[in-house]
Amino acid sequence: DAALRLGWAARAVNGHVAADVPDDAERTLTRLQMFLDG
């Protein structure tokens, strides 16, 4: 239960590439939304 939530925060951190990579900011935002909102 705890890992499902925190795993999305970790995925946002580990999966964020760079500001100039297409769609990367959107993917990171989606992962942050999953972290807080499920």
Full PDB file with SEQRES, HELIX, SHEET, SSBOND, CRYST1, ORIGX, SCALE, CONECT and MASTER records, all heavy atoms in Angstrom:
SEQRES   1 A   38  ASP ALA ALA LEU ARG LEU GLY TRP ALA ALA ARG ALA VAL          
SEQRES   2 A   38  ASN GLY HIS VAL ALA ALA ASP VAL PRO ASP ASP ALA GLU          
SEQRES   3 A   38  ARG THR LEU THR ARG LEU GLN MET PHE LEU ASP GLY              
HELIX    1 AA1 ALA A    2  GLY A   15  1                                  14    
HELIX    2 AA2 ASP A   24  ASP A   37  1                                  14    
CRYST1    1.000    1.000    1.000  90.00  90.00  90.00 P 1           1          
ORIGX1      1.000000  0.000000  0.000000        0.00000                         
ORIGX2      0.000000  1.000000  0.000000        0.00000                         
ORIGX3      0.000000  0.000000  1.000000        0.00000                         
SCALE1      1.000000  0.000000  0.000000        0.00000                         
SCALE2      0.000000  1.000000  0.000000        0.00000                         
SCALE3      0.000000  0.000000  1.000000        0.00000                         
ATOM      1  N   ASP A   1       0.827  -1.203   0.000  1.00  0.00           N  
ATOM      2  CA  ASP A   1       0.000   0.000   0.000  1.00  0.00           C  
ATOM      3  C   ASP A   1       0.868   1.263   0.000  1.00  0.00           C  
ATOM      4  O   ASP A   1       0.611   2.217  -0.760  1.00  0.00           O  
ATOM      5  CB  ASP A   1      -0.930   0.004   1.214  1.00  0.00           C  
ATOM      6  CG  ASP A   1      -2.018  -1.055   1.125  1.00  0.00           C  
ATOM      7  OD1 ASP A   1      -2.265  -1.554   0.011  1.00  0.00           O  
ATOM      8  OD2 ASP A   1      -2.607  -1.381   2.171  1.00  0.00           O  
ATOM      9  N   ALA A   2       1.880   1.298   0.849  1.00  0.00           N  
ATOM     10  CA  ALA A   2       2.767   2.468   0.901  1.00  0.00           C  
ATOM     11  C   ALA A   2       3.644   2.548  -0.347  1.00  0.00           C  
ATOM     12  O   ALA A   2       3.893   3.633  -0.882  1.00  0.00           O  
ATOM     13  CB  ALA A   2       3.632   2.412   2.163  1.00  0.00           C  
ATOM     14  N   ALA A   3       4.116   1.388  -0.828  1.00  0.00           N  
ATOM     15  CA  ALA A   3       5.016   1.370  -1.984  1.00  0.00           C  
ATOM     16  C   ALA A   3       4.322   1.824  -3.259  1.00  0.00           C  
ATOM     17  O   ALA A   3       4.945   2.462  -4.117  1.00  0.00           O  
ATOM     18  CB  ALA A   3       5.600  -0.026  -2.166  1.00  0.00           C  
ATOM     19  N   LEU A   4       3.032   1.491  -3.407  1.00  0.00           N  
ATOM     20  CA  LEU A   4       2.314   1.930  -4.603  1.00  0.00           C  
ATOM     21  C   LEU A   4       2.309   3.449  -4.712  1.00  0.00           C  
ATOM     22  O   LEU A   4       2.456   4.009  -5.798  1.00  0.00           O  
ATOM     23  CB  LEU A   4       0.878   1.405  -4.582  1.00  0.00           C  
ATOM     24  CG  LEU A   4       0.670  -0.041  -5.026  1.00  0.00           C  
ATOM     25  CD1 LEU A   4      -0.755  -0.483  -4.733  1.00  0.00           C  
ATOM     26  CD2 LEU A   4       0.970  -0.199  -6.519  1.00  0.00           C  
ATOM     27  N   ARG A   5       2.107   4.133  -3.590  1.00  0.00           N  
ATOM     28  CA  ARG A   5       2.104   5.594  -3.627  1.00  0.00           C  
ATOM     29  C   ARG A   5       3.516   6.137  -3.856  1.00  0.00           C  
ATOM     30  O   ARG A   5       3.760   6.933  -4.744  1.00  0.00           O  
ATOM     31  CB  ARG A   5       1.556   6.157  -2.313  1.00  0.00           C  
ATOM     32  CG  ARG A   5       0.099   5.812  -2.035  1.00  0.00           C  
ATOM     33  CD  ARG A   5      -0.892   6.728  -2.760  1.00  0.00           C  
ATOM     34  NE  ARG A   5      -0.723   6.801  -4.194  1.00  0.00           N  
ATOM     35  CZ  ARG A   5      -1.085   5.820  -5.037  1.00  0.00           C  
ATOM     36  NH1 ARG A   5      -1.623   4.717  -4.601  1.00  0.00           N  
ATOM     37  NH2 ARG A   5      -0.913   5.974  -6.338  1.00  0.00           N  
ATOM     38  N   LEU A   6       4.438   5.720  -3.023  1.00  0.00           N  
ATOM     39  CA  LEU A   6       5.776   6.298  -3.099  1.00  0.00           C  
ATOM     40  C   LEU A   6       6.506   5.883  -4.372  1.00  0.00           C  
ATOM     41  O   LEU A   6       7.372   6.607  -4.862  1.00  0.00           O  
ATOM     42  CB  LEU A   6       6.589   5.884  -1.873  1.00  0.00           C  
ATOM     43  CG  LEU A   6       7.918   6.612  -1.660  1.00  0.00           C  
ATOM     44  CD1 LEU A   6       7.716   8.123  -1.614  1.00  0.00           C  
ATOM     45  CD2 LEU A   6       8.586   6.131  -0.378  1.00  0.00           C  
ATOM     46  N   GLY A   7       6.115   4.736  -4.922  1.00  0.00           N  
ATOM     47  CA  GLY A   7       6.743   4.294  -6.163  1.00  0.00           C  
ATOM     48  C   GLY A   7       6.566   5.268  -7.299  1.00  0.00           C  
ATOM     49  O   GLY A   7       7.443   5.405  -8.163  1.00  0.00           O  
ATOM     50  N   TRP A   8       5.426   5.973  -7.307  1.00  0.00           N  
ATOM     51  CA  TRP A   8       5.216   6.975  -8.362  1.00  0.00           C  
ATOM     52  C   TRP A   8       6.138   8.186  -8.174  1.00  0.00           C  
ATOM     53  O   TRP A   8       6.620   8.762  -9.155  1.00  0.00           O  
ATOM     54  CB  TRP A   8       3.756   7.414  -8.387  1.00  0.00           C  
ATOM     55  CG  TRP A   8       2.853   6.418  -9.017  1.00  0.00           C  
ATOM     56  CD1 TRP A   8       1.908   5.650  -8.402  1.00  0.00           C  
ATOM     57  CD2 TRP A   8       2.820   6.041 -10.404  1.00  0.00           C  
ATOM     58  NE1 TRP A   8       1.280   4.827  -9.311  1.00  0.00           N  
ATOM     59  CE2 TRP A   8       1.817   5.052 -10.548  1.00  0.00           C  
ATOM     60  CE3 TRP A   8       3.527   6.447 -11.532  1.00  0.00           C  
ATOM     61  CZ2 TRP A   8       1.527   4.458 -11.780  1.00  0.00           C  
ATOM     62  CZ3 TRP A   8       3.233   5.862 -12.763  1.00  0.00           C  
ATOM     63  CH2 TRP A   8       2.240   4.893 -12.874  1.00  0.00           C  
ATOM     64  N   ALA A   9       6.374   8.574  -6.928  1.00  0.00           N  
ATOM     65  CA  ALA A   9       7.324   9.663  -6.684  1.00  0.00           C  
ATOM     66  C   ALA A   9       8.713   9.248  -7.136  1.00  0.00           C  
ATOM     67  O   ALA A   9       9.449  10.026  -7.765  1.00  0.00           O  
ATOM     68  CB  ALA A   9       7.330  10.044  -5.211  1.00  0.00           C  
ATOM     69  N   ALA A  10       9.097   7.999  -6.821  1.00  0.00           N  
ATOM     70  CA  ALA A  10      10.399   7.502  -7.249  1.00  0.00           C  
ATOM     71  C   ALA A  10      10.486   7.422  -8.773  1.00  0.00           C  
ATOM     72  O   ALA A  10      11.530   7.717  -9.362  1.00  0.00           O  
ATOM     73  CB  ALA A  10      10.656   6.134  -6.621  1.00  0.00           C  
ATOM     74  N   ARG A  11       9.378   7.011  -9.412  1.00  0.00           N  
ATOM     75  CA  ARG A  11       9.365   6.935 -10.886  1.00  0.00           C  
ATOM     76  C   ARG A  11       9.514   8.324 -11.490  1.00  0.00           C  
ATOM     77  O   ARG A  11      10.204   8.502 -12.509  1.00  0.00           O  
ATOM     78  CB  ARG A  11       8.056   6.296 -11.359  1.00  0.00           C  
ATOM     79  CG  ARG A  11       7.955   6.165 -12.886  1.00  0.00           C  
ATOM     80  CD  ARG A  11       8.923   5.134 -13.403  1.00  0.00           C  
ATOM     81  NE  ARG A  11       8.955   5.104 -14.863  1.00  0.00           N  
ATOM     82  CZ  ARG A  11      10.043   5.289 -15.597  1.00  0.00           C  
ATOM     83  NH1 ARG A  11      11.204   5.556 -15.021  1.00  0.00           N  
ATOM     84  NH2 ARG A  11       9.983   5.230 -16.904  1.00  0.00           N  
ATOM     85  N   ALA A  12       8.893   9.329 -10.877  1.00  0.00           N  
ATOM     86  CA  ALA A  12       9.046  10.702 -11.365  1.00  0.00           C  
ATOM     87  C   ALA A  12      10.495  11.146 -11.276  1.00  0.00           C  
ATOM     88  O   ALA A  12      11.037  11.758 -12.212  1.00  0.00           O  
ATOM     89  CB  ALA A  12       8.153  11.645 -10.566  1.00  0.00           C  
ATOM     90  N   VAL A  13      11.135  10.824 -10.166  1.00  0.00           N  
ATOM     91  CA  VAL A  13      12.544  11.208  -9.973  1.00  0.00           C  
ATOM     92  C   VAL A  13      13.447  10.464 -10.940  1.00  0.00           C  
ATOM     93  O   VAL A  13      14.262  11.065 -11.647  1.00  0.00           O  
ATOM     94  CB  VAL A  13      12.971  10.927  -8.520  1.00  0.00           C  
ATOM     95  CG1 VAL A  13      14.485  11.065  -8.367  1.00  0.00           C  
ATOM     96  CG2 VAL A  13      12.254  11.866  -7.552  1.00  0.00           C  
ATOM     97  N   ASN A  14      13.303   9.145 -10.978  1.00  0.00           N  
ATOM     98  CA  ASN A  14      14.210   8.328 -11.783  1.00  0.00           C  
ATOM     99  C   ASN A  14      13.948   8.454 -13.273  1.00  0.00           C  
ATOM    100  O   ASN A  14      14.870   8.323 -14.090  1.00  0.00           O  
ATOM    101  CB  ASN A  14      14.072   6.856 -11.372  1.00  0.00           C  
ATOM    102  CG  ASN A  14      15.125   5.963 -11.996  1.00  0.00           C  
ATOM    103  OD1 ASN A  14      16.308   6.284 -11.962  1.00  0.00           O  
ATOM    104  ND2 ASN A  14      14.699   4.843 -12.550  1.00  0.00           N  
ATOM    105  N   GLY A  15      12.694   8.726 -13.648  1.00  0.00           N  
ATOM    106  CA  GLY A  15      12.340   8.745 -15.062  1.00  0.00           C  
ATOM    107  C   GLY A  15      12.403  10.100 -15.719  1.00  0.00           C  
ATOM    108  O   GLY A  15      12.256  10.210 -16.939  1.00  0.00           O  
ATOM    109  N   HIS A  16      12.622  11.158 -14.928  1.00  0.00           N  
ATOM    110  CA  HIS A  16      12.690  12.489 -15.522  1.00  0.00           C  
ATOM    111  C   HIS A  16      13.981  12.618 -16.317  1.00  0.00           C  
ATOM    112  O   HIS A  16      15.074  12.370 -15.793  1.00  0.00           O  
ATOM    113  CB  HIS A  16      12.632  13.560 -14.440  1.00  0.00           C  
ATOM    114  CG  HIS A  16      12.584  14.955 -14.982  1.00  0.00           C  
ATOM    115  ND1 HIS A  16      11.479  15.443 -15.660  1.00  0.00           N  
ATOM    116  CD2 HIS A  16      13.499  15.956 -14.967  1.00  0.00           C  
ATOM    117  CE1 HIS A  16      11.721  16.696 -16.034  1.00  0.00           C  
ATOM    118  NE2 HIS A  16      12.933  17.020 -15.625  1.00  0.00           N  
ATOM    119  N   VAL A  17      13.864  13.006 -17.568  1.00  0.00           N  
ATOM    120  CA  VAL A  17      15.024  13.025 -18.458  1.00  0.00           C  
ATOM    121  C   VAL A  17      15.606  14.418 -18.559  1.00  0.00           C  
ATOM    122  O   VAL A  17      16.670  14.705 -18.024  1.00  0.00           O  
ATOM    123  CB  VAL A  17      14.650  12.480 -19.859  1.00  0.00           C  
ATOM    124  CG1 VAL A  17      15.867  12.475 -20.766  1.00  0.00           C  
ATOM    125  CG2 VAL A  17      14.078  11.074 -19.730  1.00  0.00           C  
ATOM    126  N   ALA A  18      14.921  15.310 -19.244  1.00  0.00           N  
ATOM    127  CA  ALA A  18      15.432  16.667 -19.431  1.00  0.00           C  
ATOM    128  C   ALA A  18      14.310  17.550 -19.950  1.00  0.00           C  
ATOM    129  O   ALA A  18      13.380  17.080 -20.601  1.00  0.00           O  
ATOM    130  CB  ALA A  18      16.609  16.693 -20.413  1.00  0.00           C  
ATOM    131  N   ALA A  19      14.428  18.827 -19.667  1.00  0.00           N  
ATOM    132  CA  ALA A  19      13.380  19.768 -20.066  1.00  0.00           C  
ATOM    133  C   ALA A  19      13.218  19.842 -21.574  1.00  0.00           C  
ATOM    134  O   ALA A  19      12.126  20.147 -22.074  1.00  0.00           O  
ATOM    135  CB  ALA A  19      13.686  21.149 -19.497  1.00  0.00           C  
ATOM    136  N   ASP A  20      14.294  19.567 -22.329  1.00  0.00           N  
ATOM    137  CA  ASP A  20      14.218  19.719 -23.781  1.00  0.00           C  
ATOM    138  C   ASP A  20      13.820  18.431 -24.493  1.00  0.00           C  
ATOM    139  O   ASP A  20      13.815  18.372 -25.727  1.00  0.00           O  
ATOM    140  CB  ASP A  20      15.554  20.222 -24.339  1.00  0.00           C  
ATOM    141  CG  ASP A  20      16.722  19.285 -24.024  1.00  0.00           C  
ATOM    142  OD1 ASP A  20      16.539  18.366 -23.194  1.00  0.00           O  
ATOM    143  OD2 ASP A  20      17.801  19.480 -24.601  1.00  0.00           O  
ATOM    144  N   VAL A  21      13.485  17.386 -23.741  1.00  0.00           N  
ATOM    145  CA  VAL A  21      13.032  16.138 -24.358  1.00  0.00           C  
ATOM    146  C   VAL A  21      11.522  16.210 -24.539  1.00  0.00           C  
ATOM    147  O   VAL A  21      10.791  16.450 -23.578  1.00  0.00           O  
ATOM    148  CB  VAL A  21      13.407  14.923 -23.487  1.00  0.00           C  
ATOM    149  CG1 VAL A  21      12.807  13.648 -24.065  1.00  0.00           C  
ATOM    150  CG2 VAL A  21      14.918  14.799 -23.395  1.00  0.00           C  
ATOM    151  N   PRO A  22      11.014  15.985 -25.763  1.00  0.00           N  
ATOM    152  CA  PRO A  22       9.579  16.108 -26.012  1.00  0.00           C  
ATOM    153  C   PRO A  22       8.757  15.229 -25.076  1.00  0.00           C  
ATOM    154  O   PRO A  22       9.077  14.064 -24.866  1.00  0.00           O  
ATOM    155  CB  PRO A  22       9.452  15.650 -27.474  1.00  0.00           C  
ATOM    156  CG  PRO A  22      10.788  15.909 -28.080  1.00  0.00           C  
ATOM    157  CD  PRO A  22      11.780  15.681 -26.982  1.00  0.00           C  
ATOM    158  N   ASP A  23       7.709  15.810 -24.512  1.00  0.00           N  
ATOM    159  CA  ASP A  23       6.727  15.116 -23.680  1.00  0.00           C  
ATOM    160  C   ASP A  23       7.255  14.686 -22.314  1.00  0.00           C  
ATOM    161  O   ASP A  23       6.502  14.114 -21.519  1.00  0.00           O  
ATOM    162  CB  ASP A  23       6.156  13.869 -24.393  1.00  0.00           C  
ATOM    163  CG  ASP A  23       5.485  14.210 -25.712  1.00  0.00           C  
ATOM    164  OD1 ASP A  23       4.866  15.289 -25.788  1.00  0.00           O  
ATOM    165  OD2 ASP A  23       5.584  13.409 -26.646  1.00  0.00           O  
ATOM    166  N   ASP A  24       8.531  14.958 -21.999  1.00  0.00           N  
ATOM    167  CA  ASP A  24       9.055  14.475 -20.721  1.00  0.00           C  
ATOM    168  C   ASP A  24       8.399  15.184 -19.539  1.00  0.00           C  
ATOM    169  O   ASP A  24       8.078  14.544 -18.529  1.00  0.00           O  
ATOM    170  CB  ASP A  24      10.574  14.661 -20.655  1.00  0.00           C  
ATOM    171  CG  ASP A  24      11.166  13.987 -19.431  1.00  0.00           C  
ATOM    172  OD1 ASP A  24      11.035  12.754 -19.315  1.00  0.00           O  
ATOM    173  OD2 ASP A  24      11.731  14.686 -18.572  1.00  0.00           O  
ATOM    174  N   ALA A  25       8.184  16.498 -19.649  1.00  0.00           N  
ATOM    175  CA  ALA A  25       7.546  17.232 -18.554  1.00  0.00           C  
ATOM    176  C   ALA A  25       6.134  16.713 -18.302  1.00  0.00           C  
ATOM    177  O   ALA A  25       5.712  16.580 -17.145  1.00  0.00           O  
ATOM    178  CB  ALA A  25       7.515  18.724 -18.864  1.00  0.00           C  
ATOM    179  N   GLU A  26       5.425  16.368 -19.372  1.00  0.00           N  
ATOM    180  CA  GLU A  26       4.068  15.841 -19.218  1.00  0.00           C  
ATOM    181  C   GLU A  26       4.082  14.480 -18.538  1.00  0.00           C  
ATOM    182  O   GLU A  26       3.253  14.196 -17.663  1.00  0.00           O  
ATOM    183  CB  GLU A  26       3.396  15.731 -20.587  1.00  0.00           C  
ATOM    184  CG  GLU A  26       1.958  15.241 -20.532  1.00  0.00           C  
ATOM    185  CD  GLU A  26       1.302  15.182 -21.897  1.00  0.00           C  
ATOM    186  OE1 GLU A  26       1.873  15.727 -22.857  1.00  0.00           O  
ATOM    187  OE2 GLU A  26       0.220  14.581 -21.990  1.00  0.00           O  
ATOM    188  N   ARG A  27       5.032  13.622 -18.911  1.00  0.00           N  
ATOM    189  CA  ARG A  27       5.138  12.313 -18.271  1.00  0.00           C  
ATOM    190  C   ARG A  27       5.453  12.464 -16.782  1.00  0.00           C  
ATOM    191  O   ARG A  27       4.884  11.753 -15.940  1.00  0.00           O  
ATOM    192  CB  ARG A  27       6.212  11.468 -18.953  1.00  0.00           C  
ATOM    193  CG  ARG A  27       5.819  10.909 -20.305  1.00  0.00           C  
ATOM    194  CD  ARG A  27       6.805   9.871 -20.774  1.00  0.00           C  
ATOM    195  NE  ARG A  27       8.102  10.444 -21.061  1.00  0.00           N  
ATOM    196  CZ  ARG A  27       8.491  10.863 -22.262  1.00  0.00           C  
ATOM    197  NH1 ARG A  27       7.660  10.753 -23.289  1.00  0.00           N  
ATOM    198  NH2 ARG A  27       9.685  11.389 -22.455  1.00  0.00           N  
ATOM    199  N   THR A  28       6.351  13.373 -16.460  1.00  0.00           N  
ATOM    200  CA  THR A  28       6.706  13.578 -15.057  1.00  0.00           C  
ATOM    201  C   THR A  28       5.502  14.082 -14.269  1.00  0.00           C  
ATOM    202  O   THR A  28       5.252  13.633 -13.141  1.00  0.00           O  
ATOM    203  CB  THR A  28       7.878  14.566 -14.944  1.00  0.00           C  
ATOM    204  OG1 THR A  28       9.021  14.007 -15.609  1.00  0.00           O  
ATOM    205  CG2 THR A  28       8.239  14.838 -13.492  1.00  0.00           C  
ATOM    206  N   LEU A  29       4.736  15.008 -14.834  1.00  0.00           N  
ATOM    207  CA  LEU A  29       3.552  15.521 -14.156  1.00  0.00           C  
ATOM    208  C   LEU A  29       2.533  14.402 -13.922  1.00  0.00           C  
ATOM    209  O   LEU A  29       1.924  14.323 -12.847  1.00  0.00           O  
ATOM    210  CB  LEU A  29       2.918  16.654 -14.961  1.00  0.00           C  
ATOM    211  CG  LEU A  29       1.657  17.280 -14.350  1.00  0.00           C  
ATOM    212  CD1 LEU A  29       1.947  17.864 -12.970  1.00  0.00           C  
ATOM    213  CD2 LEU A  29       1.090  18.356 -15.279  1.00  0.00           C  
ATOM    214  N   THR A  30       2.345  13.526 -14.898  1.00  0.00           N  
ATOM    215  CA  THR A  30       1.422  12.402 -14.735  1.00  0.00           C  
ATOM    216  C   THR A  30       1.850  11.518 -13.567  1.00  0.00           C  
ATOM    217  O   THR A  30       1.029  11.087 -12.754  1.00  0.00           O  
ATOM    218  CB  THR A  30       1.361  11.567 -16.023  1.00  0.00           C  
ATOM    219  OG1 THR A  30       0.780  12.358 -17.067  1.00  0.00           O  
ATOM    220  CG2 THR A  30       0.514  10.314 -15.827  1.00  0.00           C  
ATOM    221  N   ARG A  31       3.145  11.258 -13.453  1.00  0.00           N  
ATOM    222  CA  ARG A  31       3.653  10.427 -12.351  1.00  0.00           C  
ATOM    223  C   ARG A  31       3.449  11.116 -11.009  1.00  0.00           C  
ATOM    224  O   ARG A  31       3.113  10.461 -10.011  1.00  0.00           O  
ATOM    225  CB  ARG A  31       5.119  10.102 -12.598  1.00  0.00           C  
ATOM    226  CG  ARG A  31       5.320   9.185 -13.799  1.00  0.00           C  
ATOM    227  CD  ARG A  31       6.722   9.244 -14.353  1.00  0.00           C  
ATOM    228  NE  ARG A  31       6.833   8.410 -15.563  1.00  0.00           N  
ATOM    229  CZ  ARG A  31       7.821   8.493 -16.450  1.00  0.00           C  
ATOM    230  NH1 ARG A  31       8.807   9.381 -16.264  1.00  0.00           N  
ATOM    231  NH2 ARG A  31       7.844   7.713 -17.502  1.00  0.00           N  
ATOM    232  N   LEU A  32       3.617  12.423 -10.969  1.00  0.00           N  
ATOM    233  CA  LEU A  32       3.380  13.158  -9.726  1.00  0.00           C  
ATOM    234  C   LEU A  32       1.903  13.127  -9.350  1.00  0.00           C  
ATOM    235  O   LEU A  32       1.543  13.033  -8.172  1.00  0.00           O  
ATOM    236  CB  LEU A  32       3.870  14.601  -9.873  1.00  0.00           C  
ATOM    237  CG  LEU A  32       5.388  14.787  -9.996  1.00  0.00           C  
ATOM    238  CD1 LEU A  32       5.721  16.238 -10.309  1.00  0.00           C  
ATOM    239  CD2 LEU A  32       6.102  14.335  -8.726  1.00  0.00           C  
ATOM    240  N   GLN A  33       1.033  13.207 -10.351  1.00  0.00           N  
ATOM    241  CA  GLN A  33      -0.403  13.101 -10.086  1.00  0.00           C  
ATOM    242  C   GLN A  33      -0.753  11.725  -9.541  1.00  0.00           C  
ATOM    243  O   GLN A  33      -1.558  11.598  -8.601  1.00  0.00           O  
ATOM    244  CB  GLN A  33      -1.194  13.378 -11.364  1.00  0.00           C  
ATOM    245  CG  GLN A  33      -1.152  14.825 -11.813  1.00  0.00           C  
ATOM    246  CD  GLN A  33      -1.766  15.013 -13.185  1.00  0.00           C  
ATOM    247  OE1 GLN A  33      -1.878  14.068 -13.969  1.00  0.00           O  
ATOM    248  NE2 GLN A  33      -2.169  16.233 -13.489  1.00  0.00           N  
ATOM    249  N   MET A  34      -0.165  10.683 -10.099  1.00  0.00           N  
ATOM    250  CA  MET A  34      -0.412   9.345  -9.595  1.00  0.00           C  
ATOM    251  C   MET A  34       0.085   9.210  -8.152  1.00  0.00           C  
ATOM    252  O   MET A  34      -0.551   8.526  -7.336  1.00  0.00           O  
ATOM    253  CB  MET A  34       0.264   8.316 -10.488  1.00  0.00           C  
ATOM    254  CG  MET A  34      -0.387   8.139 -11.857  1.00  0.00           C  
ATOM    255  SD  MET A  34      -2.100   7.541 -11.784  1.00  0.00           S  
ATOM    256  CE  MET A  34      -1.867   5.917 -11.036  1.00  0.00           C  
ATOM    257  N   PHE A  35       1.175   9.856  -7.844  1.00  0.00           N  
ATOM    258  CA  PHE A  35       1.713   9.813  -6.488  1.00  0.00           C  
ATOM    259  C   PHE A  35       0.732  10.406  -5.476  1.00  0.00           C  
ATOM    260  O   PHE A  35       0.387   9.764  -4.470  1.00  0.00           O  
ATOM    261  CB  PHE A  35       3.051  10.571  -6.455  1.00  0.00           C  
ATOM    262  CG  PHE A  35       3.522  10.967  -5.087  1.00  0.00           C  
ATOM    263  CD1 PHE A  35       3.603  10.031  -4.060  1.00  0.00           C  
ATOM    264  CD2 PHE A  35       3.908  12.274  -4.814  1.00  0.00           C  
ATOM    265  CE1 PHE A  35       4.041  10.403  -2.786  1.00  0.00           C  
ATOM    266  CE2 PHE A  35       4.356  12.640  -3.561  1.00  0.00           C  
ATOM    267  CZ  PHE A  35       4.408  11.700  -2.542  1.00  0.00           C  
ATOM    268  N   LEU A  36       0.238  11.591  -5.737  1.00  0.00           N  
ATOM    269  CA  LEU A  36      -0.633  12.247  -4.778  1.00  0.00           C  
ATOM    270  C   LEU A  36      -2.096  11.838  -4.871  1.00  0.00           C  
ATOM    271  O   LEU A  36      -2.798  11.779  -3.860  1.00  0.00           O  
ATOM    272  CB  LEU A  36      -0.538  13.769  -4.934  1.00  0.00           C  
ATOM    273  CG  LEU A  36       0.719  14.451  -4.392  1.00  0.00           C  
ATOM    274  CD1 LEU A  36       0.577  15.951  -4.444  1.00  0.00           C  
ATOM    275  CD2 LEU A  36       1.020  13.994  -2.961  1.00  0.00           C  
ATOM    276  N   ASP A  37      -2.562  11.544  -6.076  1.00  0.00           N  
ATOM    277  CA  ASP A  37      -3.989  11.314  -6.286  1.00  0.00           C  
ATOM    278  C   ASP A  37      -4.362   9.858  -6.524  1.00  0.00           C  
ATOM    279  O   ASP A  37      -5.540   9.494  -6.438  1.00  0.00           O  
ATOM    280  CB  ASP A  37      -4.491  12.151  -7.465  1.00  0.00           C  
ATOM    281  CG  ASP A  37      -4.174  13.629  -7.321  1.00  0.00           C  
ATOM    282  OD1 ASP A  37      -4.105  14.108  -6.175  1.00  0.00           O  
ATOM    283  OD2 ASP A  37      -3.986  14.302  -8.358  1.00  0.00           O  
ATOM    284  N   GLY A  38      -3.373   9.046  -6.898  1.00  0.00           N  
ATOM    285  CA  GLY A  38      -3.670   7.651  -7.240  1.00  0.00           C  
ATOM    286  C   GLY A  38      -4.438   7.500  -8.531  1.00  0.00           C  
ATOM    287  O   GLY A  38      -4.989   6.451  -8.815  1.00  0.00           O  
TER     288      GLY A  38                                                      
MASTER        0    0    0    2    0    0    0    6  287    1    0    3          
END                                                                             
